[in-house]
Amino acid sequence: LQEMVKQVGADLLLDTNGAAIRGIIIRHLVLPGCTENSITALSLLRNHFPPELPISLMSQYTPTMAVRNHPLLNRRITRHEYDLVVNRALDMGFEQLFIQEVDDRNICPDFDEETPFQWLDHDET
């Protein structure tokens, strides 16, 4: 990460549609039951990089069948868990946060479907 920031800087350049065309965005997936891990990762980033480093806090973790019996990873994150991580990032002084909604959608692609990345339930189509 340090080499990437050294090469392109911490500034993010967006086009007129809001798509990144230069720079980096650190993407961090918040996992259920693991908010302290997220806060530790953010603290490490904040200690090594300037506050304008763009951070994307992702809420879309969706459990797969492989973790259906895992005590932590068998569910989506809660709004409370996500808000806790977002608020700590703000408290740490990060100036450029990209955040997402928290919901119960299953957003795993279904490659048996013609449109595998269609996140609507079959009942909604």
C-alpha atoms as a PDB file:
ATOM      1  CA  LEU A   1       0.000   0.000   0.000  1.00  0.00           C
ATOM      2  CA  GLN A   2       2.795   2.389   0.811  1.00  0.00           C
ATOM      3  CA  GLU A   3       4.337   1.842  -2.624  1.00  0.00           C
ATOM      4  CA  MET A   4       0.973   2.357  -4.317  1.00  0.00           C
ATOM      5  CA  VAL A   5       0.419   5.639  -2.471  1.00  0.00           C
ATOM      6  CA  LYS A   6       3.996   6.642  -3.269  1.00  0.00           C
ATOM      7  CA  GLN A   7       3.398   6.058  -6.990  1.00  0.00           C
ATOM      8  CA  VAL A   8      -0.067   7.615  -7.422  1.00  0.00           C
ATOM      9  CA  GLY A   9      -0.614   9.629  -4.251  1.00  0.00           C
ATOM     10  CA  ALA A  10      -3.526   9.601  -1.852  1.00  0.00           C
ATOM     11  CA  ASP A  11      -5.602  11.943  -4.016  1.00  0.00           C
ATOM     12  CA  LEU A  12      -8.440  10.337  -5.922  1.00  0.00           C
ATOM     13  CA  LEU A  13      -9.288  11.751  -9.352  1.00  0.00           C
ATOM     14  CA  LEU A  14     -12.873  11.157 -10.502  1.00  0.00           C
ATOM     15  CA  ASP A  15     -14.386  11.680 -13.939  1.00  0.00           C
ATOM     16  CA  THR A  16     -17.628  13.603 -14.516  1.00  0.00           C
ATOM     17  CA  ASN A  17     -19.640  10.441 -13.775  1.00  0.00           C
ATOM     18  CA  GLY A  18     -17.917   9.911 -10.436  1.00  0.00           C
ATOM     19  CA  ALA A  19     -15.799   6.964 -11.606  1.00  0.00           C
ATOM     20  CA  ALA A  20     -12.230   6.798 -10.324  1.00  0.00           C
ATOM     21  CA  ILE A  21      -9.671   7.385 -13.073  1.00  0.00           C
ATOM     22  CA  ARG A  22      -6.521   7.907 -10.994  1.00  0.00           C
ATOM     23  CA  GLY A  23      -5.462   7.228  -7.455  1.00  0.00           C
ATOM     24  CA  ILE A  24      -6.322   4.471  -5.037  1.00  0.00           C
ATOM     25  CA  ILE A  25      -9.256   3.550  -2.874  1.00  0.00           C
ATOM     26  CA  ILE A  26      -8.653   1.209   0.033  1.00  0.00           C
ATOM     27  CA  ARG A  27     -11.599  -1.185   0.060  1.00  0.00           C
ATOM     28  CA  HIS A  28     -12.389  -2.822   3.393  1.00  0.00           C
ATOM     29  CA  LEU A  29     -15.114  -5.433   3.806  1.00  0.00           C
ATOM     30  CA  VAL A  30     -16.720  -5.245   7.249  1.00  0.00           C
ATOM     31  CA  LEU A  31     -17.415  -8.771   8.495  1.00  0.00           C
ATOM     32  CA  PRO A  32     -20.126  -9.781  10.979  1.00  0.00           C
ATOM     33  CA  GLY A  33     -18.900 -10.040  14.544  1.00  0.00           C
ATOM     34  CA  CYS A  34     -15.510  -8.624  13.575  1.00  0.00           C
ATOM     35  CA  THR A  35     -15.848  -4.871  14.100  1.00  0.00           C
ATOM     36  CA  GLU A  36     -12.706  -4.758  16.247  1.00  0.00           C
ATOM     37  CA  ASN A  37     -10.730  -6.217  13.334  1.00  0.00           C
ATOM     38  CA  SER A  38     -12.062  -3.466  11.090  1.00  0.00           C
ATOM     39  CA  ILE A  39     -11.210  -0.788  13.631  1.00  0.00           C
ATOM     40  CA  THR A  40      -7.687  -2.214  13.997  1.00  0.00           C
ATOM     41  CA  ALA A  41      -7.218  -2.182  10.213  1.00  0.00           C
ATOM     42  CA  LEU A  42      -8.444   1.418  10.025  1.00  0.00           C
ATOM     43  CA  SER A  43      -6.138   2.413  12.863  1.00  0.00           C
ATOM     44  CA  LEU A  44      -3.154   0.913  11.038  1.00  0.00           C
ATOM     45  CA  LEU A  45      -4.111   2.784   7.868  1.00  0.00           C
ATOM     46  CA  ARG A  46      -4.544   6.040   9.756  1.00  0.00           C
ATOM     47  CA  ASN A  47      -1.139   5.641  11.438  1.00  0.00           C
ATOM     48  CA  HIS A  48       0.647   5.145   8.102  1.00  0.00           C
ATOM     49  CA  PHE A  49      -1.283   7.316   5.646  1.00  0.00           C
ATOM     50  CA  PRO A  50      -2.689  10.835   5.438  1.00  0.00           C
ATOM     51  CA  PRO A  51      -6.338  11.453   6.429  1.00  0.00           C
ATOM     52  CA  GLU A  52      -7.344  12.140   2.817  1.00  0.00           C
ATOM     53  CA  LEU A  53      -6.619   8.514   1.832  1.00  0.00           C
ATOM     54  CA  PRO A  54      -9.905   7.312   0.288  1.00  0.00           C
ATOM     55  CA  ILE A  55     -11.476   4.436   2.202  1.00  0.00           C
ATOM     56  CA  SER A  56     -14.420   2.358   0.989  1.00  0.00           C
ATOM     57  CA  LEU A  57     -16.167   0.592   3.850  1.00  0.00           C
ATOM     58  CA  MET A  58     -18.090  -2.237   2.261  1.00  0.00           C
ATOM     59  CA  SER A  59     -21.208  -3.692   3.853  1.00  0.00           C
ATOM     60  CA  GLN A  60     -22.080  -6.310   1.266  1.00  0.00           C
ATOM     61  CA  TYR A  61     -20.618  -9.423   2.901  1.00  0.00           C
ATOM     62  CA  THR A  62     -22.969 -12.281   2.090  1.00  0.00           C
ATOM     63  CA  PRO A  63     -22.422 -15.696   3.671  1.00  0.00           C
ATOM     64  CA  THR A  64     -22.010 -18.675   1.387  1.00  0.00           C
ATOM     65  CA  MET A  65     -23.035 -22.255   2.010  1.00  0.00           C
ATOM     66  CA  ALA A  66     -19.451 -23.021   3.079  1.00  0.00           C
ATOM     67  CA  VAL A  67     -19.865 -20.855   6.206  1.00  0.00           C
ATOM     68  CA  ARG A  68     -23.512 -21.564   7.017  1.00  0.00           C
ATOM     69  CA  ASN A  69     -22.468 -23.144  10.348  1.00  0.00           C
ATOM     70  CA  HIS A  70     -19.713 -20.673  11.231  1.00  0.00           C
ATOM     71  CA  PRO A  71     -20.581 -18.857  14.490  1.00  0.00           C
ATOM     72  CA  LEU A  72     -19.630 -15.397  13.129  1.00  0.00           C
ATOM     73  CA  LEU A  73     -19.728 -15.565   9.350  1.00  0.00           C
ATOM     74  CA  ASN A  74     -23.141 -17.211   8.877  1.00  0.00           C
ATOM     75  CA  ARG A  75     -25.000 -13.883   8.632  1.00  0.00           C
ATOM     76  CA  ARG A  76     -24.885 -10.437   7.070  1.00  0.00           C
ATOM     77  CA  ILE A  77     -23.564  -7.530   9.143  1.00  0.00           C
ATOM     78  CA  THR A  78     -26.007  -5.438  11.112  1.00  0.00           C
ATOM     79  CA  ARG A  79     -26.625  -1.734  10.701  1.00  0.00           C
ATOM     80  CA  HIS A  80     -25.171  -1.272  14.206  1.00  0.00           C
ATOM     81  CA  GLU A  81     -21.924  -3.077  13.321  1.00  0.00           C
ATOM     82  CA  TYR A  82     -21.481  -1.086  10.140  1.00  0.00           C
ATOM     83  CA  ASP A  83     -22.296   2.247  11.802  1.00  0.00           C
ATOM     84  CA  LEU A  84     -19.795   1.467  14.554  1.00  0.00           C
ATOM     85  CA  VAL A  85     -16.996   1.028  11.990  1.00  0.00           C
ATOM     86  CA  VAL A  86     -18.040   4.098   9.959  1.00  0.00           C
ATOM     87  CA  ASN A  87     -18.198   6.268  13.071  1.00  0.00           C
ATOM     88  CA  ARG A  88     -14.783   5.092  14.247  1.00  0.00           C
ATOM     89  CA  ALA A  89     -13.332   5.893  10.808  1.00  0.00           C
ATOM     90  CA  LEU A  90     -14.785   9.389  11.089  1.00  0.00           C
ATOM     91  CA  ASP A  91     -13.415   9.733  14.635  1.00  0.00           C
ATOM     92  CA  MET A  92      -9.966   8.767  13.301  1.00  0.00           C
ATOM     93  CA  GLY A  93     -10.145  11.702  10.920  1.00  0.00           C
ATOM     94  CA  PHE A  94     -10.531   9.968   7.570  1.00  0.00           C
ATOM     95  CA  GLU A  95     -11.740  12.677   5.211  1.00  0.00           C
ATOM     96  CA  GLN A  96     -12.886  10.626   2.233  1.00  0.00           C
ATOM     97  CA  LEU A  97     -15.139   7.711   3.110  1.00  0.00           C
ATOM     98  CA  PHE A  98     -17.254   5.774   0.651  1.00  0.00           C
ATOM     99  CA  ILE A  99     -20.083   4.036   2.469  1.00  0.00           C
ATOM    100  CA  GLN A 100     -22.894   1.665   1.523  1.00  0.00           C
ATOM    101  CA  GLU A 101     -26.369   0.749   2.651  1.00  0.00           C
ATOM    102  CA  VAL A 102     -26.837  -2.220   4.955  1.00  0.00           C
ATOM    103  CA  ASP A 103     -29.628  -4.598   3.988  1.00  0.00           C
ATOM    104  CA  ASP A 104     -30.555  -8.277   3.909  1.00  0.00           C
ATOM    105  CA  ARG A 105     -30.226  -8.882   0.169  1.00  0.00           C
ATOM    106  CA  ASN A 106     -28.376 -11.965  -0.988  1.00  0.00           C
ATOM    107  CA  ILE A 107     -25.894 -10.441  -3.412  1.00  0.00           C
ATOM    108  CA  CYS A 108     -23.997 -13.562  -4.412  1.00  0.00           C
ATOM    109  CA  PRO A 109     -23.963 -13.977  -8.185  1.00  0.00           C
ATOM    110  CA  ASP A 110     -26.001 -16.887  -9.509  1.00  0.00           C
ATOM    111  CA  PHE A 111     -24.071 -18.093 -12.547  1.00  0.00           C
ATOM    112  CA  ASP A 112     -26.896 -20.448 -13.503  1.00  0.00           C
ATOM    113  CA  GLU A 113     -28.955 -17.361 -14.399  1.00  0.00           C
ATOM    114  CA  GLU A 114     -28.726 -15.355 -17.624  1.00  0.00           C
ATOM    115  CA  THR A 115     -27.969 -12.234 -15.562  1.00  0.00           C
ATOM    116  CA  PRO A 116     -25.892 -13.575 -12.636  1.00  0.00           C
ATOM    117  CA  PHE A 117     -25.354 -10.154 -11.084  1.00  0.00           C
ATOM    118  CA  GLN A 118     -29.043  -9.265 -10.873  1.00  0.00           C
ATOM    119  CA  TRP A 119     -29.531  -8.693  -7.140  1.00  0.00           C
ATOM    120  CA  LEU A 120     -33.338  -8.768  -7.209  1.00  0.00           C
ATOM    121  CA  ASP A 121     -35.093 -11.790  -5.762  1.00  0.00           C
ATOM    122  CA  HIS A 122     -36.894 -13.890  -8.336  1.00  0.00           C
ATOM    123  CA  ASP A 123     -40.196 -12.734  -6.778  1.00  0.00           C
ATOM    124  CA  GLU A 124     -39.320  -9.105  -7.555  1.00  0.00           C
ATOM    125  CA  THR A 125     -38.600  -9.590 -11.265  1.00  0.00           C
END
